[in-house]
Amino acid sequence: ALELSPVERLSGQFPVGAVIKTKIASIHEFGLFVEMDAASNGLVPRSEVSWVRSEEPLENSFSVGQEIEVAVLGYDSQRQRVSCSIKRLQEDPWQKWKTQFRRGSIHKVKVIEVK
């Protein structure tokens, strides 16, 4: 019998959209690698860590071995990669903003600076 590739094996175990509790395996400038199982890691790209952009090093907020929850975003069988997200488990602030500040709506604001 042919052995499944890591991505084929993981996609059977964790379908797209699944939320899994995992541990951070390593931290890099471009994102976090998380343990999918004993043999494979998934990547949470920096853009999928938080809805708020930050240039702060990820090491300031996360540590290797830390338990986190991630959502499985997708699988790339060509490149044998698993994409995950932390921010997709939280409400998108832009959707809330679009609801609260609809086009044509009027709001009281305080001007704090004019240049």
N, C-alpha and C. Protein backbone atom coordinates (compact mmCIF):
# COMPACT_ATOMS: atom_id res chain seq x y z
N ALA A 1 0.85 -1.19 0.00
CA ALA A 1 0.00 0.00 0.00
C ALA A 1 0.88 1.24 0.00
N LEU A 2 0.44 2.24 -0.75
CA LEU A 2 1.18 3.49 -0.78
C LEU A 2 0.96 4.26 0.51
N GLU A 3 2.03 4.89 0.96
CA GLU A 3 1.93 5.68 2.18
C GLU A 3 1.42 7.08 1.82
N LEU A 4 0.56 7.62 2.67
CA LEU A 4 0.04 8.97 2.43
C LEU A 4 1.11 10.01 2.71
N SER A 5 1.07 11.10 1.94
CA SER A 5 1.97 12.22 2.23
C SER A 5 1.51 12.87 3.53
N PRO A 6 2.38 13.64 4.19
CA PRO A 6 1.96 14.31 5.42
C PRO A 6 0.70 15.17 5.23
N VAL A 7 0.61 15.88 4.12
CA VAL A 7 -0.56 16.74 3.88
C VAL A 7 -1.82 15.90 3.69
N GLU A 8 -1.72 14.80 2.95
CA GLU A 8 -2.89 13.92 2.77
C GLU A 8 -3.34 13.34 4.11
N ARG A 9 -2.38 12.92 4.91
CA ARG A 9 -2.70 12.34 6.22
C ARG A 9 -3.36 13.39 7.12
N LEU A 10 -2.78 14.60 7.16
CA LEU A 10 -3.32 15.65 8.03
C LEU A 10 -4.69 16.14 7.56
N SER A 11 -4.89 16.24 6.24
CA SER A 11 -6.18 16.73 5.75
C SER A 11 -7.30 15.75 6.08
N GLY A 12 -6.98 14.47 6.20
CA GLY A 12 -7.97 13.49 6.62
C GLY A 12 -8.28 13.60 8.11
N GLN A 13 -7.28 13.99 8.86
CA GLN A 13 -7.40 14.11 10.31
C GLN A 13 -8.03 15.45 10.73
N PHE A 14 -7.62 16.54 10.06
CA PHE A 14 -8.08 17.89 10.40
C PHE A 14 -8.63 18.57 9.16
N PRO A 15 -9.94 18.49 8.89
CA PRO A 15 -10.48 19.13 7.69
C PRO A 15 -10.35 20.65 7.76
N VAL A 16 -10.38 21.30 6.60
CA VAL A 16 -10.33 22.76 6.54
C VAL A 16 -11.47 23.31 7.41
N GLY A 17 -11.13 24.27 8.24
CA GLY A 17 -12.11 24.86 9.15
C GLY A 17 -12.06 24.27 10.55
N ALA A 18 -11.38 23.13 10.69
CA ALA A 18 -11.27 22.51 12.02
C ALA A 18 -10.49 23.42 12.96
N VAL A 19 -10.89 23.44 14.21
CA VAL A 19 -10.17 24.19 15.25
C VAL A 19 -9.45 23.17 16.10
N ILE A 20 -8.14 23.35 16.22
CA ILE A 20 -7.37 22.39 17.00
C ILE A 20 -6.56 23.09 18.09
N LYS A 21 -6.41 22.39 19.19
CA LYS A 21 -5.54 22.85 20.28
C LYS A 21 -4.17 22.26 19.99
N THR A 22 -3.15 23.12 19.99
CA THR A 22 -1.82 22.68 19.61
C THR A 22 -0.77 23.43 20.41
N LYS A 23 0.49 23.13 20.13
CA LYS A 23 1.60 23.84 20.78
C LYS A 23 2.46 24.50 19.72
N ILE A 24 3.07 25.61 20.08
CA ILE A 24 3.98 26.31 19.18
C ILE A 24 5.29 25.53 19.14
N ALA A 25 5.70 25.14 17.93
CA ALA A 25 6.94 24.37 17.73
C ALA A 25 8.13 25.29 17.55
N SER A 26 7.93 26.41 16.82
CA SER A 26 9.01 27.38 16.61
C SER A 26 8.42 28.72 16.19
N ILE A 27 9.21 29.77 16.43
CA ILE A 27 8.77 31.14 16.14
C ILE A 27 9.76 31.77 15.18
N HIS A 28 9.24 32.38 14.12
CA HIS A 28 10.08 33.01 13.10
C HIS A 28 9.51 34.38 12.77
N GLU A 29 10.29 35.18 12.08
CA GLU A 29 9.84 36.52 11.69
C GLU A 29 8.56 36.45 10.84
N PHE A 30 8.44 35.40 10.01
CA PHE A 30 7.32 35.28 9.08
C PHE A 30 6.10 34.58 9.69
N GLY A 31 6.23 34.00 10.89
CA GLY A 31 5.07 33.34 11.50
C GLY A 31 5.45 32.31 12.55
N LEU A 32 4.44 31.53 12.93
CA LEU A 32 4.59 30.51 13.96
C LEU A 32 4.38 29.13 13.36
N PHE A 33 5.27 28.19 13.66
CA PHE A 33 5.02 26.80 13.30
C PHE A 33 4.36 26.13 14.49
N VAL A 34 3.26 25.42 14.23
CA VAL A 34 2.52 24.74 15.29
C VAL A 34 2.51 23.24 15.01
N GLU A 35 2.47 22.45 16.07
CA GLU A 35 2.48 20.99 15.95
C GLU A 35 1.11 20.50 15.50
N MET A 36 1.07 19.86 14.34
CA MET A 36 -0.18 19.26 13.85
C MET A 36 -0.31 17.85 14.41
N ASP A 37 0.79 17.13 14.41
CA ASP A 37 0.88 15.81 15.03
C ASP A 37 2.35 15.58 15.33
N ALA A 38 2.70 14.38 15.76
CA ALA A 38 4.09 14.11 16.17
C ALA A 38 5.10 14.31 15.04
N ALA A 39 4.65 14.20 13.79
CA ALA A 39 5.58 14.23 12.67
C ALA A 39 5.51 15.50 11.82
N SER A 40 4.46 16.32 11.98
CA SER A 40 4.26 17.43 11.05
C SER A 40 3.84 18.72 11.74
N ASN A 41 4.25 19.83 11.13
CA ASN A 41 3.89 21.16 11.62
C ASN A 41 3.03 21.89 10.60
N GLY A 42 2.26 22.86 11.09
CA GLY A 42 1.52 23.78 10.23
C GLY A 42 2.06 25.17 10.48
N LEU A 43 1.82 26.08 9.55
CA LEU A 43 2.30 27.45 9.68
C LEU A 43 1.15 28.41 9.90
N VAL A 44 1.30 29.26 10.92
CA VAL A 44 0.42 30.41 11.11
C VAL A 44 1.23 31.60 10.60
N PRO A 45 0.96 32.08 9.36
CA PRO A 45 1.72 33.22 8.85
C PRO A 45 1.46 34.44 9.73
N ARG A 46 2.41 35.36 9.77
CA ARG A 46 2.28 36.57 10.57
C ARG A 46 0.94 37.26 10.30
N SER A 47 0.50 37.27 9.06
CA SER A 47 -0.76 37.94 8.69
C SER A 47 -1.99 37.26 9.28
N GLU A 48 -1.85 36.02 9.76
CA GLU A 48 -2.97 35.27 10.34
C GLU A 48 -2.90 35.18 11.86
N VAL A 49 -1.95 35.90 12.47
CA VAL A 49 -1.80 35.88 13.93
C VAL A 49 -2.85 36.78 14.59
N SER A 50 -3.04 37.98 14.03
CA SER A 50 -3.94 38.96 14.65
C SER A 50 -4.57 39.84 13.59
N TRP A 51 -5.76 40.39 13.89
CA TRP A 51 -6.40 41.34 12.99
C TRP A 51 -5.66 42.68 13.01
N VAL A 52 -4.89 42.92 14.06
CA VAL A 52 -4.15 44.18 14.21
C VAL A 52 -2.73 43.97 13.73
N ARG A 53 -2.30 44.78 12.78
CA ARG A 53 -0.93 44.66 12.28
C ARG A 53 0.05 45.16 13.32
N SER A 54 1.17 44.44 13.43
CA SER A 54 2.19 44.82 14.40
C SER A 54 3.55 44.42 13.86
N GLU A 55 4.51 45.29 14.08
CA GLU A 55 5.89 44.97 13.70
C GLU A 55 6.65 44.36 14.87
N GLU A 56 5.98 44.26 16.02
CA GLU A 56 6.59 43.71 17.22
C GLU A 56 6.96 42.25 16.98
N PRO A 57 8.14 41.84 17.46
CA PRO A 57 8.54 40.43 17.28
C PRO A 57 7.51 39.50 17.90
N LEU A 58 7.22 38.39 17.21
CA LEU A 58 6.24 37.43 17.71
C LEU A 58 6.68 36.83 19.05
N GLU A 59 7.99 36.80 19.29
CA GLU A 59 8.52 36.27 20.55
C GLU A 59 8.02 37.07 21.75
N ASN A 60 7.61 38.33 21.53
CA ASN A 60 7.11 39.16 22.63
C ASN A 60 5.73 38.71 23.08
N SER A 61 4.99 38.02 22.23
CA SER A 61 3.63 37.59 22.56
C SER A 61 3.48 36.08 22.69
N PHE A 62 4.41 35.32 22.12
CA PHE A 62 4.30 33.86 22.08
C PHE A 62 5.61 33.22 22.52
N SER A 63 5.52 31.97 22.98
CA SER A 63 6.73 31.24 23.35
C SER A 63 6.63 29.80 22.85
N VAL A 64 7.78 29.22 22.55
CA VAL A 64 7.82 27.83 22.09
C VAL A 64 7.25 26.94 23.20
N GLY A 65 6.37 26.02 22.81
CA GLY A 65 5.74 25.13 23.78
C GLY A 65 4.41 25.65 24.29
N GLN A 66 4.11 26.92 24.01
CA GLN A 66 2.84 27.52 24.46
C GLN A 66 1.67 26.84 23.76
N GLU A 67 0.61 26.53 24.53
CA GLU A 67 -0.59 25.94 23.94
C GLU A 67 -1.48 27.04 23.37
N ILE A 68 -1.93 26.85 22.14
CA ILE A 68 -2.82 27.80 21.48
C ILE A 68 -3.86 27.02 20.67
N GLU A 69 -4.91 27.72 20.26
CA GLU A 69 -5.88 27.14 19.35
C GLU A 69 -5.69 27.78 17.99
N VAL A 70 -5.80 26.98 16.94
CA VAL A 70 -5.70 27.49 15.58
C VAL A 70 -6.82 26.89 14.74
N ALA A 71 -7.19 27.62 13.69
CA ALA A 71 -8.13 27.10 12.69
C ALA A 71 -7.31 26.66 11.49
N VAL A 72 -7.66 25.52 10.91
CA VAL A 72 -6.98 25.03 9.71
C VAL A 72 -7.57 25.78 8.52
N LEU A 73 -6.71 26.51 7.78
CA LEU A 73 -7.18 27.30 6.63
C LEU A 73 -7.11 26.52 5.33
N GLY A 74 -6.09 25.69 5.18
CA GLY A 74 -5.98 24.97 3.93
C GLY A 74 -4.71 24.16 3.82
N TYR A 75 -4.66 23.36 2.75
CA TYR A 75 -3.54 22.47 2.49
C TYR A 75 -3.02 22.73 1.09
N ASP A 76 -1.70 22.71 0.94
CA ASP A 76 -1.06 22.84 -0.36
C ASP A 76 -0.30 21.54 -0.59
N SER A 77 -0.91 20.64 -1.37
CA SER A 77 -0.29 19.32 -1.56
C SER A 77 0.96 19.41 -2.44
N GLN A 78 1.03 20.39 -3.34
CA GLN A 78 2.22 20.56 -4.18
C GLN A 78 3.44 20.90 -3.32
N ARG A 79 3.26 21.86 -2.42
CA ARG A 79 4.37 22.32 -1.59
C ARG A 79 4.40 21.65 -0.22
N GLN A 80 3.45 20.74 0.03
CA GLN A 80 3.37 20.01 1.30
C GLN A 80 3.34 20.98 2.48
N ARG A 81 2.36 21.89 2.45
CA ARG A 81 2.22 22.89 3.50
C ARG A 81 0.81 22.92 4.05
N VAL A 82 0.74 23.26 5.34
CA VAL A 82 -0.53 23.40 6.03
C VAL A 82 -0.62 24.84 6.53
N SER A 83 -1.69 25.55 6.17
CA SER A 83 -1.89 26.93 6.62
C SER A 83 -2.90 26.95 7.76
N CYS A 84 -2.56 27.70 8.80
CA CYS A 84 -3.43 27.82 9.97
C CYS A 84 -3.60 29.29 10.33
N SER A 85 -4.57 29.57 11.20
CA SER A 85 -4.85 30.94 11.60
C SER A 85 -5.24 31.00 13.07
N ILE A 86 -4.80 32.05 13.72
CA ILE A 86 -5.26 32.36 15.08
C ILE A 86 -6.36 33.40 14.98
N LYS A 87 -6.18 34.40 14.11
CA LYS A 87 -7.13 35.52 14.06
C LYS A 87 -8.53 35.10 13.59
N ARG A 88 -8.64 34.04 12.82
CA ARG A 88 -9.96 33.62 12.33
C ARG A 88 -10.84 33.07 13.44
N LEU A 89 -10.24 32.85 14.61
CA LEU A 89 -11.01 32.38 15.77
C LEU A 89 -11.60 33.56 16.54
N GLN A 90 -11.28 34.78 16.11
CA GLN A 90 -11.78 35.99 16.76
C GLN A 90 -12.67 36.75 15.78
N GLU A 91 -13.52 37.61 16.32
CA GLU A 91 -14.39 38.41 15.47
C GLU A 91 -13.55 39.38 14.63
N ASP A 92 -13.90 39.53 13.36
CA ASP A 92 -13.21 40.46 12.48
C ASP A 92 -13.65 41.88 12.83
N PRO A 93 -12.74 42.70 13.39
CA PRO A 93 -13.14 44.06 13.79
C PRO A 93 -13.61 44.92 12.62
N TRP A 94 -13.15 44.60 11.41
CA TRP A 94 -13.56 45.40 10.25
C TRP A 94 -15.01 45.15 9.89
N GLN A 95 -15.49 43.92 10.10
CA GLN A 95 -16.91 43.64 9.85
C GLN A 95 -17.77 44.40 10.85
N LYS A 96 -17.34 44.41 12.10
CA LYS A 96 -18.06 45.15 13.14
C LYS A 96 -18.06 46.65 12.80
N TRP A 97 -16.91 47.15 12.36
CA TRP A 97 -16.75 48.56 12.02
C TRP A 97 -17.69 48.92 10.86
N LYS A 98 -17.74 48.05 9.83
CA LYS A 98 -18.59 48.32 8.68
C LYS A 98 -20.07 48.35 9.06
N THR A 99 -20.45 47.55 10.05
CA THR A 99 -21.84 47.53 10.52
C THR A 99 -22.14 48.81 11.31
N GLN A 100 -21.21 49.17 12.17
CA GLN A 100 -21.41 50.33 13.05
C GLN A 100 -21.33 51.66 12.28
N PHE A 101 -20.44 51.73 11.31
CA PHE A 101 -20.23 52.97 10.57
C PHE A 101 -20.62 52.81 9.10
N ARG A 102 -21.90 52.54 8.89
CA ARG A 102 -22.40 52.37 7.52
C ARG A 102 -22.26 53.68 6.74
N ARG A 103 -22.13 53.56 5.44
CA ARG A 103 -22.05 54.72 4.57
C ARG A 103 -23.28 55.60 4.80
N GLY A 104 -23.04 56.89 5.00
CA GLY A 104 -24.13 57.84 5.19
C GLY A 104 -24.55 58.01 6.65
N SER A 105 -24.03 57.16 7.54
CA SER A 105 -24.41 57.30 8.96
C SER A 105 -23.66 58.49 9.57
N ILE A 106 -24.24 59.08 10.60
CA ILE A 106 -23.67 60.27 11.23
C ILE A 106 -23.22 59.92 12.64
N HIS A 107 -22.02 60.42 13.01
CA HIS A 107 -21.45 60.10 14.32
C HIS A 107 -20.83 61.35 14.93
N LYS A 108 -20.92 61.46 16.25
CA LYS A 108 -20.22 62.52 16.97
C LYS A 108 -18.81 62.05 17.22
N VAL A 109 -17.85 62.91 16.91
CA VAL A 109 -16.45 62.58 17.15
C VAL A 109 -15.75 63.75 17.80
N LYS A 110 -14.61 63.48 18.40
CA LYS A 110 -13.79 64.51 19.02
C LYS A 110 -12.52 64.64 18.20
N VAL A 111 -12.25 65.82 17.66
CA VAL A 111 -11.04 66.05 16.89
C VAL A 111 -9.89 66.21 17.90
N ILE A 112 -8.85 65.39 17.74
CA ILE A 112 -7.75 65.48 18.69
C ILE A 112 -6.52 66.15 18.11
N GLU A 113 -6.46 66.29 16.78
CA GLU A 113 -5.31 66.94 16.18
C GLU A 113 -5.64 67.35 14.76
N VAL A 114 -5.16 68.53 14.37
CA VAL A 114 -5.28 69.00 13.01
C VAL A 114 -3.89 69.47 12.58
N LYS A 115 -3.43 68.98 11.43
CA LYS A 115 -2.10 69.36 10.94
C LYS A 115 -2.21 70.13 9.66
